[in-house]
Protein backbone atom coordinates (compact mmCIF):
# COMPACT_ATOMS: atom_id res chain seq x y z
CA UNK A 1 144.71 29.27 48.99
CA UNK A 2 142.39 31.47 47.18
CA UNK A 3 142.67 32.53 43.28
CA UNK A 4 143.94 36.63 42.75
CA UNK A 5 140.52 38.02 40.98
CA UNK A 6 143.41 40.29 39.10
CA UNK A 7 144.51 37.47 37.51
CA UNK A 8 141.07 35.86 36.66
CA UNK A 9 139.71 39.23 35.25
CA UNK A 10 143.47 39.16 33.06
CA UNK A 11 142.48 35.88 31.67
CA UNK A 12 138.88 36.44 30.78
CA UNK A 13 139.54 40.15 29.46
CA UNK A 14 143.30 41.00 28.81
CA UNK A 15 144.85 41.21 25.41
CA UNK A 16 145.70 37.95 24.34
CA UNK A 17 148.65 37.14 21.67
CA UNK A 18 150.00 33.78 20.63
CA UNK A 19 153.80 33.69 21.17
CA UNK A 20 154.67 30.25 20.06
CA UNK A 21 153.19 26.51 20.09
CA UNK A 22 153.83 23.19 22.96
CA UNK A 23 154.58 20.68 20.28
CA UNK A 24 154.73 17.72 22.30
CA UNK A 25 151.16 17.52 22.77
CA UNK A 26 148.02 15.63 20.81
CA UNK A 27 146.01 18.60 20.44
CA UNK A 28 146.97 22.17 19.54
CA UNK A 29 148.41 24.42 22.55
CA UNK A 30 149.73 27.82 22.79
CA UNK A 31 152.22 29.81 25.01
CA UNK A 32 150.45 33.11 25.25
CA UNK A 33 150.92 36.88 26.52
CA UNK A 34 148.32 38.38 28.36
CA UNK A 35 148.43 42.20 29.08
CA UNK A 36 145.72 43.59 31.20
CA UNK A 37 146.39 46.93 32.72
CA UNK A 38 149.22 46.55 34.99
CA UNK A 39 149.37 42.84 34.60
CA UNK A 40 151.62 40.81 31.76
CA UNK A 41 151.02 36.96 32.35
CA UNK A 42 151.91 33.99 30.37
CA UNK A 43 149.04 31.44 29.86
CA UNK A 44 148.57 28.23 28.08
CA UNK A 45 146.19 28.74 25.21
CA UNK A 46 143.94 25.45 23.84
CA UNK A 47 141.44 26.59 21.05
CA UNK A 48 138.56 24.14 20.62
CA UNK A 49 139.20 23.65 16.73
CA UNK A 50 142.88 22.47 17.27
CA UNK A 51 141.61 19.51 19.39
CA UNK A 52 141.90 16.05 17.51
CA UNK A 53 138.53 13.96 17.54
CA UNK A 54 138.11 11.06 19.98
CA UNK A 55 135.59 8.47 20.05
CA UNK A 56 134.45 8.44 23.38
CA UNK A 57 134.49 12.28 24.02
CA UNK A 58 131.95 14.68 22.48
CA UNK A 59 133.92 16.61 19.80
CA UNK A 60 135.19 20.46 20.73
CA UNK A 61 134.66 19.64 24.27
CA UNK A 62 137.90 19.80 25.80
CA UNK A 63 138.65 23.00 26.53
CA UNK A 64 135.25 23.78 28.30
CA UNK A 65 136.22 20.72 30.43
CA UNK A 66 139.19 22.10 31.32
CA UNK A 67 137.72 25.24 32.83
CA UNK A 68 135.16 22.50 34.95
CA UNK A 69 138.28 21.09 36.27
CA UNK A 70 139.27 24.64 37.81
CA UNK A 71 135.58 25.29 39.06
CA UNK A 72 135.64 21.80 40.90
CA UNK A 73 138.96 22.40 42.30
CA UNK A 74 138.08 25.70 43.50
CA UNK A 75 134.77 24.49 44.79
CA UNK A 76 136.56 22.02 46.51
CA UNK A 77 138.94 24.53 48.47
CA UNK A 78 142.04 22.46 47.18
CA UNK A 79 143.21 24.97 44.87
CA UNK A 80 144.96 22.15 42.32
CA UNK A 81 144.40 23.93 39.15
CA UNK A 82 145.89 27.10 37.79
CA UNK A 83 143.27 29.57 36.91
CA UNK A 84 141.81 28.53 33.70
CA UNK A 85 138.89 30.53 31.91
CA UNK A 86 137.06 29.95 28.43
CA UNK A 87 137.48 32.67 25.74
CA UNK A 88 134.99 33.01 23.06
CA UNK A 89 136.98 35.14 20.70
CA UNK A 90 140.43 33.94 21.04
CA UNK A 91 143.32 34.57 18.20
CA UNK A 92 142.63 30.81 17.14
CA UNK A 93 138.91 30.51 17.74
CA UNK A 94 137.20 30.22 21.17
CA UNK A 95 139.09 27.67 23.57
CA UNK A 96 140.60 27.52 27.35
CA UNK A 97 143.44 29.79 28.47
CA UNK A 98 145.03 29.19 31.75
CA UNK A 99 147.73 30.42 33.51
CA UNK A 100 151.20 29.23 32.69
CA UNK A 101 153.03 27.63 35.47
CA UNK A 102 156.65 28.64 35.92
CA UNK A 103 158.58 24.93 36.94
CA UNK A 104 161.41 22.55 36.20
CA UNK A 105 160.24 20.68 33.19
CA UNK A 106 162.80 17.70 34.12
CA UNK A 107 160.61 17.06 37.28
CA UNK A 108 158.14 14.84 36.75
CA UNK A 109 156.06 12.06 39.06
CA UNK A 110 158.59 9.07 38.09
CA UNK A 111 161.59 11.15 39.54
CA UNK A 112 159.63 12.99 42.38
CA UNK A 113 161.65 12.42 46.28
CA UNK A 114 159.27 10.71 48.22
CA UNK A 115 158.44 13.74 50.29
CA UNK A 116 156.66 14.92 47.29
CA UNK A 117 154.75 11.80 46.50
CA UNK A 118 153.16 12.06 49.93
CA UNK A 119 151.84 15.40 48.71
CA UNK A 120 149.86 13.83 46.16
CA UNK A 121 146.64 12.24 48.18
CA UNK A 122 144.18 14.99 46.89
CA UNK A 123 145.46 15.03 43.40
CA UNK A 124 144.77 11.25 43.47
CA UNK A 125 141.14 12.10 45.27
CA UNK A 126 140.75 14.97 42.27
CA UNK A 127 141.68 12.37 39.85
CA UNK A 128 138.59 10.01 41.18
CA UNK A 129 136.13 12.63 41.40
CA UNK A 130 136.36 14.15 37.98
CA UNK A 131 137.03 10.60 36.27
CA UNK A 132 140.47 11.97 34.96
CA UNK A 133 141.37 9.56 31.52
CA UNK A 134 144.90 11.10 31.35
CA UNK A 135 146.88 11.80 34.66
CA UNK A 136 150.75 11.77 33.18
CA UNK A 137 153.52 11.88 34.93
CA UNK A 138 154.64 15.42 33.61
CA UNK A 139 151.12 16.77 34.31
CA UNK A 140 151.71 17.37 37.97
CA UNK A 141 154.01 20.48 38.59
CA UNK A 142 155.94 22.15 41.61
CA UNK A 143 156.10 25.96 41.02
CA UNK A 144 159.25 27.76 42.18
CA UNK A 145 157.76 28.37 45.59
CA UNK A 146 157.13 24.59 45.59
CA UNK A 147 153.63 24.70 45.50
CA UNK A 148 151.38 21.81 43.82
CA UNK A 149 150.02 22.48 40.69
CA UNK A 150 147.86 19.90 38.17
CA UNK A 151 147.36 20.76 34.88
CA UNK A 152 145.82 19.26 31.33
CA UNK A 153 142.21 18.11 32.50
CA UNK A 154 140.72 18.08 28.79
CA UNK A 155 139.94 14.34 29.27
CA UNK A 156 137.76 14.11 32.38
CA UNK A 157 134.22 14.20 33.29
CA UNK A 158 132.86 11.41 31.48
CA UNK A 159 129.94 9.26 32.62
CA UNK A 160 131.46 6.39 32.20
CA UNK A 161 134.80 5.25 34.12
CA UNK A 162 137.56 6.49 32.12
CA UNK A 163 140.17 6.61 34.98
CA UNK A 164 143.46 6.56 33.81
CA UNK A 165 146.51 7.87 35.84
CA UNK A 166 150.11 6.76 36.95
CA UNK A 167 149.39 7.73 40.69
CA UNK A 168 148.33 4.43 42.33
CA UNK A 169 150.55 5.26 45.43
CA UNK A 170 148.08 5.03 48.13
CA UNK A 171 145.94 2.10 47.03
CA UNK A 172 143.87 0.64 50.30
CA UNK A 173 144.84 3.35 52.26
CA UNK A 174 141.80 5.83 54.18
CA UNK A 175 141.10 8.65 52.77
CA UNK A 176 141.85 11.39 55.32
CA UNK A 177 138.94 12.75 56.72
CA UNK A 178 139.41 16.27 56.02
CA UNK A 179 139.37 15.13 52.12
CA UNK A 180 135.86 13.47 52.92
CA UNK A 181 134.49 16.27 54.91
CA UNK A 182 135.51 18.39 51.82
CA UNK A 183 133.95 15.85 49.34
CA UNK A 184 130.57 15.91 51.18
CA UNK A 185 130.41 19.73 51.30
CA UNK A 186 131.19 19.33 47.61
CA UNK A 187 128.15 17.21 46.82
CA UNK A 188 125.77 19.42 48.97
CA UNK A 189 126.85 22.02 47.24
CA UNK A 190 125.85 20.29 43.73
CA UNK A 191 122.87 19.41 45.03
CA UNK A 192 121.74 22.63 46.61
CA UNK A 193 119.46 24.92 44.98
CA UNK A 194 120.66 25.40 41.36
CA UNK A 195 118.40 28.64 40.39
CA UNK A 196 120.92 31.33 41.26
CA UNK A 197 123.38 31.87 38.64
CA UNK A 198 125.84 31.81 41.39
CA UNK A 199 125.07 27.92 42.49
CA UNK A 200 127.89 25.69 41.24
CA UNK A 201 125.60 23.72 38.76
CA UNK A 202 124.92 27.09 37.10
CA UNK A 203 128.82 27.70 36.83
CA UNK A 204 129.52 24.46 35.40
CA UNK A 205 126.49 24.00 33.10
CA UNK A 206 128.11 25.89 30.50
CA UNK A 207 131.16 23.22 30.55
CA UNK A 208 129.93 19.88 30.86
CA UNK A 209 126.34 18.36 30.43
CA UNK A 210 124.01 17.66 32.90
CA UNK A 211 124.67 13.78 32.87
CA UNK A 212 128.28 14.39 33.57
CA UNK A 213 127.59 16.64 36.58
CA UNK A 214 125.06 13.76 37.94
CA UNK A 215 128.08 11.73 37.50
CA UNK A 216 129.99 14.02 39.46
CA UNK A 217 127.81 14.21 42.37
CA UNK A 218 127.57 10.45 42.15
CA UNK A 219 131.40 9.77 42.39
CA UNK A 220 131.38 12.87 45.26
CA UNK A 221 129.11 10.63 47.31
CA UNK A 222 130.61 7.23 46.30
CA UNK A 223 134.23 8.14 47.25
CA UNK A 224 133.48 9.66 50.55
CA UNK A 225 131.24 6.84 51.54
CA UNK A 226 133.48 4.34 50.72
CA UNK A 227 136.49 5.87 52.70
CA UNK A 228 139.66 4.36 51.26
CA UNK A 229 141.36 5.01 48.03
CA UNK A 230 140.59 2.36 45.55
CA UNK A 231 142.75 -0.21 43.30
CA UNK A 232 142.68 -0.12 39.58
CA UNK A 233 140.32 -1.75 38.19
CA UNK A 234 141.48 -5.00 36.43
CA UNK A 235 138.78 -5.23 33.87
CA UNK A 236 140.42 -2.40 31.59
CA UNK A 237 143.85 -0.35 31.49
CA UNK A 238 144.29 2.08 33.95
CA UNK A 239 147.10 3.78 32.91
CA UNK A 240 147.48 6.61 29.92
CA UNK A 241 149.71 6.37 26.95
CA UNK A 242 152.55 7.85 27.25
CA UNK A 243 152.78 7.83 30.80
CA UNK A 244 154.69 10.89 31.03
């Protein structure tokens, strides 16, 4: 399922008004209304200047990483991440703007029924690929049509292994062939001719560094060749905190 181009256009160019603040996160995050022609949308606006400094991620890069995660999700064809853009001139400065997904906030990984847990294999593989350091239980949503979405990807794409996630359901299981095929195609896409402004590498370059793109290529190759879901690294903490 592809992304509606009208939604992306509205996120990029629509009139953006902040309506409230989400208070449970570490960084400043705001609910926004986007008006563009006949569309009126809710969005999640994360200004870079509201990011808490971290010792292991470069300052003021988390909003850009949110956009990179969306681009990777789309390139894979998995469509897990809501439409996300980078706005240079937001009300509180430059930052990411993501379509808000209407969902039940009381529903999260730790109370999903088994049938929903079984839908999470692409989420696990996506997190392995983008090296997600913060997959909390509340970062997995089901919208009003029961479509699966993943949010909060500011702590991703580090060149060092940073994977921290609550989802270890499939350790040792084979990765389904269709996902391995997608990873191989994704790697080839990244390694293809990079001169065009339409290439995936060119699209990612404004948001993550060249070493981070190279590490992304390596992870795509590694997991497609390994062919199974790995176990947590016993040498470091594999879970985020808090877990919800």
